[in-house]
N, C-alpha and C. Protein backbone atom coordinates (compact mmCIF):
# COMPACT_ATOMS: atom_id res chain seq x y z
N MET A 1 -21.81 5.67 48.26
CA MET A 1 -21.74 5.51 46.82
C MET A 1 -21.71 6.89 46.18
N SER A 2 -20.86 7.07 45.22
CA SER A 2 -20.76 8.35 44.53
C SER A 2 -21.47 8.25 43.19
N MET A 3 -22.58 8.99 43.07
CA MET A 3 -23.35 8.98 41.82
C MET A 3 -22.94 10.17 40.97
N ASN A 4 -22.70 9.89 39.69
CA ASN A 4 -22.28 10.93 38.75
C ASN A 4 -23.04 10.76 37.45
N PHE A 5 -24.20 11.39 37.39
CA PHE A 5 -25.01 11.32 36.18
C PHE A 5 -26.05 12.44 36.21
N LEU A 6 -26.74 12.59 35.11
CA LEU A 6 -27.81 13.58 34.99
C LEU A 6 -29.13 12.84 34.83
N LEU A 7 -30.17 13.39 35.40
CA LEU A 7 -31.53 12.88 35.22
C LEU A 7 -32.39 14.02 34.71
N ALA A 8 -33.21 13.74 33.73
CA ALA A 8 -34.14 14.74 33.21
C ALA A 8 -35.55 14.18 33.26
N VAL A 9 -36.49 15.04 33.61
CA VAL A 9 -37.90 14.66 33.61
C VAL A 9 -38.60 15.56 32.60
N LEU A 10 -39.18 14.94 31.58
CA LEU A 10 -39.91 15.65 30.54
C LEU A 10 -41.39 15.41 30.78
N PRO A 11 -42.10 16.42 31.29
CA PRO A 11 -43.50 16.23 31.65
C PRO A 11 -44.38 15.91 30.44
N ASN A 12 -45.33 15.02 30.68
CA ASN A 12 -46.33 14.66 29.67
C ASN A 12 -45.70 14.34 28.32
N THR A 13 -44.69 13.49 28.36
CA THR A 13 -43.96 13.12 27.16
C THR A 13 -43.93 11.60 27.02
N ASP A 14 -44.22 11.12 25.83
CA ASP A 14 -44.18 9.69 25.52
C ASP A 14 -42.72 9.29 25.26
N ALA A 15 -42.17 8.48 26.13
CA ALA A 15 -40.76 8.06 26.02
C ALA A 15 -40.48 7.32 24.72
N SER A 16 -41.47 6.65 24.16
CA SER A 16 -41.24 5.88 22.93
C SER A 16 -40.86 6.79 21.76
N ARG A 17 -41.22 8.09 21.83
CA ARG A 17 -40.83 9.04 20.78
C ARG A 17 -39.34 9.35 20.82
N LEU A 18 -38.69 9.06 21.94
CA LEU A 18 -37.29 9.42 22.15
C LEU A 18 -36.34 8.23 22.00
N VAL A 19 -36.89 7.04 21.86
CA VAL A 19 -36.09 5.82 21.84
C VAL A 19 -35.39 5.63 20.49
N ARG A 20 -34.15 5.18 20.57
CA ARG A 20 -33.37 4.90 19.36
C ARG A 20 -34.00 3.77 18.55
N ASP A 21 -34.31 2.66 19.21
CA ASP A 21 -34.88 1.49 18.52
C ASP A 21 -35.85 0.82 19.48
N PRO A 22 -37.16 0.91 19.22
CA PRO A 22 -38.15 0.37 20.16
C PRO A 22 -38.07 -1.15 20.32
N THR A 23 -37.43 -1.84 19.40
CA THR A 23 -37.31 -3.30 19.50
C THR A 23 -36.10 -3.71 20.34
N GLU A 24 -35.25 -2.75 20.67
CA GLU A 24 -34.07 -3.04 21.47
C GLU A 24 -34.47 -3.40 22.90
N ALA A 25 -33.81 -4.38 23.46
CA ALA A 25 -34.12 -4.84 24.82
C ALA A 25 -33.86 -3.73 25.83
N ALA A 26 -34.71 -3.68 26.84
CA ALA A 26 -34.54 -2.70 27.91
C ALA A 26 -33.40 -3.12 28.83
N THR A 27 -32.86 -2.15 29.53
CA THR A 27 -31.80 -2.42 30.49
C THR A 27 -32.16 -1.79 31.84
N ASP A 28 -31.35 -2.06 32.84
CA ASP A 28 -31.65 -1.60 34.19
C ASP A 28 -30.98 -0.25 34.49
N PHE A 29 -31.43 0.39 35.57
CA PHE A 29 -30.93 1.71 35.94
C PHE A 29 -29.43 1.69 36.23
N HIS A 30 -28.97 0.67 36.92
CA HIS A 30 -27.54 0.60 37.26
C HIS A 30 -26.68 0.65 36.00
N SER A 31 -27.07 -0.08 34.98
CA SER A 31 -26.30 -0.10 33.73
C SER A 31 -26.34 1.24 33.00
N THR A 32 -27.47 1.93 33.07
CA THR A 32 -27.62 3.19 32.35
C THR A 32 -26.92 4.36 33.03
N SER A 33 -26.74 4.25 34.35
CA SER A 33 -26.16 5.37 35.10
C SER A 33 -24.69 5.14 35.47
N ALA A 34 -24.15 4.01 35.08
CA ALA A 34 -22.76 3.68 35.42
C ALA A 34 -21.79 4.50 34.55
N PRO A 35 -20.58 4.71 35.04
CA PRO A 35 -19.60 5.51 34.28
C PRO A 35 -19.30 4.97 32.89
N PHE A 36 -19.49 3.67 32.67
CA PHE A 36 -19.20 3.07 31.38
C PHE A 36 -20.38 3.13 30.41
N ALA A 37 -21.53 3.63 30.86
CA ALA A 37 -22.72 3.71 30.00
C ALA A 37 -22.44 4.65 28.82
N GLU A 38 -22.96 4.27 27.68
CA GLU A 38 -22.75 5.08 26.47
C GLU A 38 -24.03 5.81 26.10
N GLY A 39 -24.03 7.12 26.25
CA GLY A 39 -25.17 7.93 25.85
C GLY A 39 -26.28 7.95 26.89
N ALA A 40 -27.37 8.60 26.50
CA ALA A 40 -28.52 8.76 27.39
C ALA A 40 -29.52 7.62 27.17
N TYR A 41 -30.29 7.35 28.22
CA TYR A 41 -31.33 6.33 28.18
C TYR A 41 -32.63 6.97 28.64
N VAL A 42 -33.76 6.39 28.19
CA VAL A 42 -35.07 6.94 28.51
C VAL A 42 -35.99 5.83 29.00
N ALA A 43 -36.90 6.22 29.91
CA ALA A 43 -37.92 5.30 30.43
C ALA A 43 -39.21 6.09 30.62
N GLN A 44 -40.31 5.36 30.68
CA GLN A 44 -41.61 5.99 30.92
C GLN A 44 -41.96 5.87 32.40
N ALA A 45 -42.34 6.98 33.03
CA ALA A 45 -42.80 7.00 34.42
C ALA A 45 -44.15 7.68 34.43
N GLY A 46 -45.21 6.90 34.36
CA GLY A 46 -46.54 7.48 34.24
C GLY A 46 -46.61 8.30 32.97
N PRO A 47 -47.06 9.56 33.04
CA PRO A 47 -47.16 10.38 31.83
C PRO A 47 -45.83 11.04 31.42
N HIS A 48 -44.78 10.83 32.20
CA HIS A 48 -43.53 11.54 31.97
C HIS A 48 -42.43 10.64 31.41
N ALA A 49 -41.59 11.23 30.58
CA ALA A 49 -40.38 10.55 30.12
C ALA A 49 -39.26 10.96 31.08
N VAL A 50 -38.45 9.99 31.48
CA VAL A 50 -37.31 10.24 32.35
C VAL A 50 -36.06 9.80 31.60
N LEU A 51 -35.06 10.68 31.58
CA LEU A 51 -33.80 10.35 30.93
C LEU A 51 -32.69 10.28 31.97
N VAL A 52 -31.75 9.37 31.77
CA VAL A 52 -30.57 9.28 32.61
C VAL A 52 -29.36 9.28 31.69
N ASP A 53 -28.31 9.96 32.11
CA ASP A 53 -27.13 10.11 31.26
C ASP A 53 -25.87 10.25 32.11
N ALA A 54 -24.94 9.32 31.92
CA ALA A 54 -23.67 9.37 32.64
C ALA A 54 -22.58 10.05 31.82
N THR A 55 -22.92 10.48 30.60
CA THR A 55 -21.92 11.07 29.69
C THR A 55 -22.00 12.59 29.61
N ALA A 56 -22.96 13.18 30.27
CA ALA A 56 -23.17 14.64 30.31
C ALA A 56 -23.74 15.21 29.01
N GLU A 57 -24.27 14.37 28.13
CA GLU A 57 -24.92 14.88 26.92
C GLU A 57 -26.16 15.70 27.26
N LEU A 58 -26.81 15.38 28.37
CA LEU A 58 -28.05 16.07 28.74
C LEU A 58 -27.83 17.53 29.12
N PHE A 59 -26.58 17.93 29.36
CA PHE A 59 -26.35 19.34 29.69
C PHE A 59 -26.86 20.26 28.58
N SER A 60 -26.95 19.78 27.35
CA SER A 60 -27.43 20.61 26.24
C SER A 60 -28.95 20.59 26.12
N LEU A 61 -29.62 19.83 26.95
CA LEU A 61 -31.08 19.68 26.84
C LEU A 61 -31.81 21.01 26.90
N GLY A 62 -31.38 21.91 27.75
CA GLY A 62 -32.06 23.20 27.90
C GLY A 62 -32.03 24.06 26.66
N LYS A 63 -31.12 23.77 25.73
CA LYS A 63 -31.03 24.51 24.47
C LYS A 63 -31.90 23.91 23.38
N SER A 64 -32.52 22.78 23.68
CA SER A 64 -33.35 22.08 22.69
C SER A 64 -34.73 22.73 22.59
N SER A 65 -35.16 22.97 21.39
CA SER A 65 -36.46 23.62 21.18
C SER A 65 -37.62 22.64 21.33
N TRP A 66 -37.37 21.36 21.33
CA TRP A 66 -38.44 20.36 21.35
C TRP A 66 -38.88 19.96 22.76
N ILE A 67 -38.16 20.36 23.80
CA ILE A 67 -38.52 19.90 25.15
C ILE A 67 -39.77 20.62 25.64
N PRO A 68 -40.60 19.91 26.40
CA PRO A 68 -41.83 20.56 26.90
C PRO A 68 -41.54 21.54 28.03
N ASP A 69 -42.44 22.49 28.17
CA ASP A 69 -42.36 23.46 29.26
C ASP A 69 -42.33 22.71 30.59
N GLY A 70 -41.46 23.12 31.48
CA GLY A 70 -41.36 22.48 32.78
C GLY A 70 -40.39 21.32 32.85
N THR A 71 -39.66 21.07 31.77
CA THR A 71 -38.65 20.02 31.79
C THR A 71 -37.63 20.34 32.88
N ALA A 72 -37.28 19.32 33.67
CA ALA A 72 -36.34 19.50 34.77
C ALA A 72 -35.09 18.67 34.54
N LEU A 73 -33.95 19.22 34.89
CA LEU A 73 -32.67 18.54 34.79
C LEU A 73 -32.05 18.51 36.18
N VAL A 74 -31.71 17.32 36.66
CA VAL A 74 -31.11 17.13 37.98
C VAL A 74 -29.71 16.57 37.77
N THR A 75 -28.73 17.23 38.36
CA THR A 75 -27.33 16.83 38.23
C THR A 75 -26.83 16.24 39.53
N LEU A 76 -26.27 15.05 39.45
CA LEU A 76 -25.64 14.41 40.60
C LEU A 76 -24.16 14.29 40.29
N GLY A 77 -23.36 15.09 40.94
CA GLY A 77 -21.92 15.08 40.75
C GLY A 77 -21.23 14.69 42.04
N GLY A 78 -21.37 13.44 42.43
CA GLY A 78 -20.84 12.97 43.70
C GLY A 78 -19.33 13.07 43.80
N THR A 79 -18.64 12.83 42.71
CA THR A 79 -17.18 12.89 42.74
C THR A 79 -16.69 14.30 43.04
N SER A 80 -17.35 15.30 42.44
CA SER A 80 -16.94 16.69 42.64
C SER A 80 -17.75 17.40 43.73
N ASP A 81 -18.72 16.67 44.33
CA ASP A 81 -19.59 17.23 45.37
C ASP A 81 -20.36 18.46 44.88
N VAL A 82 -20.89 18.33 43.66
CA VAL A 82 -21.71 19.39 43.06
C VAL A 82 -23.03 18.77 42.62
N TYR A 83 -24.12 19.38 43.06
CA TYR A 83 -25.45 18.88 42.74
C TYR A 83 -26.29 20.04 42.23
N GLY A 84 -27.09 19.78 41.20
CA GLY A 84 -27.86 20.88 40.63
C GLY A 84 -29.25 20.46 40.23
N PHE A 85 -30.06 21.48 40.00
CA PHE A 85 -31.44 21.29 39.60
C PHE A 85 -31.83 22.49 38.77
N GLU A 86 -32.39 22.23 37.59
CA GLU A 86 -32.80 23.32 36.72
C GLU A 86 -34.12 22.97 36.04
N VAL A 87 -35.01 23.95 35.96
CA VAL A 87 -36.28 23.80 35.26
C VAL A 87 -36.26 24.77 34.10
N PHE A 88 -36.67 24.29 32.92
CA PHE A 88 -36.69 25.10 31.71
C PHE A 88 -38.12 25.45 31.33
N GLY A 89 -38.31 26.61 30.75
CA GLY A 89 -39.62 27.00 30.26
C GLY A 89 -40.09 28.31 30.83
N THR A 90 -41.40 28.43 31.00
CA THR A 90 -42.00 29.70 31.40
C THR A 90 -41.78 30.05 32.86
N SER A 91 -41.45 29.05 33.69
CA SER A 91 -41.14 29.30 35.11
C SER A 91 -39.76 28.72 35.42
N PRO A 92 -38.73 29.35 34.90
CA PRO A 92 -37.38 28.78 35.08
C PRO A 92 -36.95 28.77 36.54
N ARG A 93 -36.13 27.79 36.86
CA ARG A 93 -35.61 27.63 38.23
C ARG A 93 -34.22 27.01 38.15
N GLU A 94 -33.30 27.50 38.96
CA GLU A 94 -31.98 26.90 39.01
C GLU A 94 -31.46 26.95 40.45
N ARG A 95 -30.90 25.83 40.87
CA ARG A 95 -30.32 25.74 42.21
C ARG A 95 -29.10 24.83 42.13
N VAL A 96 -27.97 25.28 42.63
CA VAL A 96 -26.73 24.50 42.61
C VAL A 96 -26.15 24.48 44.01
N VAL A 97 -25.72 23.30 44.44
CA VAL A 97 -25.06 23.12 45.73
C VAL A 97 -23.66 22.59 45.47
N GLU A 98 -22.66 23.33 45.95
CA GLU A 98 -21.27 22.92 45.80
C GLU A 98 -20.64 22.77 47.18
N TYR A 99 -20.12 21.59 47.47
CA TYR A 99 -19.48 21.33 48.76
C TYR A 99 -20.37 21.73 49.93
N GLY A 100 -21.67 21.51 49.79
CA GLY A 100 -22.61 21.80 50.87
C GLY A 100 -23.17 23.21 50.91
N ASP A 101 -22.64 24.09 50.07
CA ASP A 101 -23.12 25.48 50.04
C ASP A 101 -23.95 25.75 48.79
N ILE A 102 -25.06 26.43 48.95
CA ILE A 102 -25.88 26.83 47.79
C ILE A 102 -25.15 27.97 47.09
N THR A 103 -24.75 27.75 45.83
CA THR A 103 -24.01 28.77 45.09
C THR A 103 -24.86 29.45 44.02
N VAL A 104 -25.95 28.81 43.62
CA VAL A 104 -26.90 29.40 42.67
C VAL A 104 -28.29 29.10 43.20
N ASP A 105 -29.16 30.10 43.20
CA ASP A 105 -30.53 29.92 43.68
C ASP A 105 -31.40 30.99 43.03
N THR A 106 -31.92 30.69 41.84
CA THR A 106 -32.75 31.65 41.11
C THR A 106 -34.10 31.03 40.76
N GLY A 107 -35.08 31.86 40.60
CA GLY A 107 -36.42 31.40 40.26
C GLY A 107 -37.20 30.98 41.49
N THR A 108 -38.42 30.57 41.26
CA THR A 108 -39.32 30.17 42.33
C THR A 108 -39.17 28.67 42.60
N PRO A 109 -38.91 28.30 43.86
CA PRO A 109 -38.79 26.88 44.19
C PRO A 109 -40.06 26.10 43.85
N VAL A 110 -39.88 24.83 43.50
CA VAL A 110 -41.01 23.93 43.24
C VAL A 110 -41.23 23.10 44.49
N PRO A 111 -42.45 22.63 44.73
CA PRO A 111 -42.76 21.90 45.97
C PRO A 111 -41.85 20.69 46.23
N ALA A 112 -41.46 19.97 45.20
CA ALA A 112 -40.63 18.77 45.38
C ALA A 112 -39.27 19.07 45.98
N GLU A 113 -38.85 20.33 45.94
CA GLU A 113 -37.54 20.71 46.46
C GLU A 113 -37.42 20.57 47.97
N GLU A 114 -38.51 20.35 48.65
CA GLU A 114 -38.44 20.21 50.11
C GLU A 114 -37.46 19.12 50.53
N VAL A 115 -37.23 18.12 49.66
CA VAL A 115 -36.30 17.03 49.99
C VAL A 115 -34.84 17.50 50.02
N LEU A 116 -34.55 18.68 49.50
CA LEU A 116 -33.17 19.16 49.43
C LEU A 116 -32.69 19.79 50.74
N ALA A 117 -33.54 19.83 51.73
CA ALA A 117 -33.20 20.49 52.99
C ALA A 117 -32.20 19.70 53.84
N GLY A 118 -32.03 18.41 53.57
CA GLY A 118 -31.14 17.59 54.39
C GLY A 118 -29.66 17.76 54.05
N ASP A 119 -28.83 17.02 54.77
CA ASP A 119 -27.39 17.10 54.58
C ASP A 119 -26.88 16.24 53.42
N ASP A 120 -27.57 15.14 53.11
CA ASP A 120 -27.11 14.23 52.05
C ASP A 120 -27.66 14.70 50.70
N GLN A 121 -26.92 15.56 50.05
CA GLN A 121 -27.38 16.16 48.80
C GLN A 121 -27.49 15.14 47.67
N GLU A 122 -26.65 14.12 47.71
CA GLU A 122 -26.71 13.09 46.66
C GLU A 122 -28.05 12.36 46.69
N ASP A 123 -28.40 11.79 47.83
CA ASP A 123 -29.68 11.10 47.94
C ASP A 123 -30.85 12.06 47.75
N ALA A 124 -30.71 13.29 48.25
CA ALA A 124 -31.79 14.28 48.12
C ALA A 124 -32.07 14.62 46.67
N HIS A 125 -31.02 14.77 45.85
CA HIS A 125 -31.24 15.10 44.45
C HIS A 125 -31.80 13.90 43.67
N LEU A 126 -31.41 12.70 44.05
CA LEU A 126 -32.00 11.51 43.45
C LEU A 126 -33.48 11.44 43.80
N GLU A 127 -33.82 11.71 45.05
CA GLU A 127 -35.21 11.73 45.49
C GLU A 127 -35.99 12.84 44.77
N LEU A 128 -35.35 13.99 44.57
CA LEU A 128 -36.00 15.10 43.86
C LEU A 128 -36.39 14.67 42.44
N ALA A 129 -35.47 14.04 41.73
CA ALA A 129 -35.76 13.59 40.36
C ALA A 129 -36.94 12.61 40.36
N ALA A 130 -36.94 11.68 41.31
CA ALA A 130 -38.04 10.72 41.38
C ALA A 130 -39.36 11.41 41.65
N ARG A 131 -39.37 12.35 42.60
CA ARG A 131 -40.61 13.07 42.92
C ARG A 131 -41.11 13.88 41.73
N LEU A 132 -40.20 14.50 40.99
CA LEU A 132 -40.61 15.26 39.81
C LEU A 132 -41.26 14.35 38.77
N ALA A 133 -40.84 13.09 38.75
CA ALA A 133 -41.42 12.12 37.82
C ALA A 133 -42.68 11.48 38.39
N GLY A 134 -43.01 11.79 39.65
CA GLY A 134 -44.21 11.25 40.27
C GLY A 134 -44.05 9.82 40.77
N ILE A 135 -42.81 9.42 41.04
CA ILE A 135 -42.53 8.05 41.48
C ILE A 135 -41.56 8.07 42.67
N THR A 136 -41.29 6.90 43.21
CA THR A 136 -40.30 6.76 44.28
C THR A 136 -38.94 6.43 43.67
N VAL A 137 -37.90 6.54 44.47
CA VAL A 137 -36.57 6.15 43.99
C VAL A 137 -36.55 4.67 43.64
N ARG A 138 -37.20 3.85 44.44
CA ARG A 138 -37.27 2.41 44.14
C ARG A 138 -37.92 2.18 42.77
N GLU A 139 -38.98 2.92 42.49
CA GLU A 139 -39.64 2.78 41.18
C GLU A 139 -38.73 3.29 40.07
N LEU A 140 -37.99 4.36 40.33
CA LEU A 140 -37.03 4.88 39.35
C LEU A 140 -36.02 3.79 38.99
N PHE A 141 -35.50 3.12 40.01
CA PHE A 141 -34.53 2.05 39.78
C PHE A 141 -35.14 0.88 39.01
N GLY A 142 -36.46 0.70 39.12
CA GLY A 142 -37.13 -0.43 38.47
C GLY A 142 -37.64 -0.17 37.06
N LEU A 143 -37.51 1.05 36.57
CA LEU A 143 -37.99 1.35 35.21
C LEU A 143 -37.20 0.61 34.15
N GLU A 144 -37.81 0.46 32.98
CA GLU A 144 -37.13 -0.18 31.84
C GLU A 144 -36.54 0.92 30.96
N TRP A 145 -35.23 0.90 30.81
CA TRP A 145 -34.49 1.96 30.13
C TRP A 145 -34.04 1.52 28.75
N ARG A 146 -34.20 2.42 27.76
CA ARG A 146 -33.75 2.14 26.39
C ARG A 146 -32.92 3.33 25.90
N PRO A 147 -31.96 3.06 25.02
CA PRO A 147 -31.12 4.15 24.51
C PRO A 147 -31.93 5.23 23.78
N VAL A 148 -31.54 6.47 23.99
CA VAL A 148 -32.18 7.61 23.34
C VAL A 148 -31.64 7.74 21.91
N ALA A 149 -32.52 8.13 21.00
CA ALA A 149 -32.11 8.36 19.61
C ALA A 149 -30.99 9.41 19.59
N PRO A 150 -29.91 9.17 18.85
CA PRO A 150 -28.74 10.03 18.91
C PRO A 150 -28.96 11.46 18.40
N ASN A 151 -29.94 11.68 17.57
CA ASN A 151 -30.15 13.02 17.00
C ASN A 151 -30.93 13.96 17.92
N LEU A 152 -31.36 13.49 19.08
CA LEU A 152 -32.16 14.32 19.97
C LEU A 152 -31.34 15.22 20.88
N LEU A 153 -30.12 14.81 21.20
CA LEU A 153 -29.31 15.58 22.16
C LEU A 153 -28.13 16.24 21.48
C-alpha cells in the first residue's frame, strides 16, 4: 500500500481547540488519510493532538507561531518514495529518506527514531508517528478524527 499523507503530533495539546466544529461527527483514519480527503483532521491521543493531512496543508505547520515546542511532522510519500520527520522548537530535528538513502539528517535524534532502522520506511514512519503520540499504529487507526478549523493552517 502506498501511503501519501502527513502526520503531526502536537505535544500536550487539546485537540478540541483545533476542531472546526465539535458537533460534527467523527470519521475514521482511512477516510482522513485517503487522497480524496479534504483538509486536515485532528484526534486526541492521550495528552497529545494528532493531525493527519492528505492535502499537504501541514507542510506550513512549522511556520505557525501557535504550535507547542516539540511538535513533530512525519511525511509519508509512498508514491515518490520520500519519507521525512521534523521536530520544531528548541531542539529541532530533521531527517529525510529518499529512495532508501538518508538525504537530510540534522539535529539530535529522538528515541522513537529507532524504528526507522529497517528497510520499510513507509511502515517505519507510520510507527514513528504513533510512538511520538504515545500509542500504537492500531490505536492511531482507531482514533476519532474531526476536521481542523480552516484558519489554523
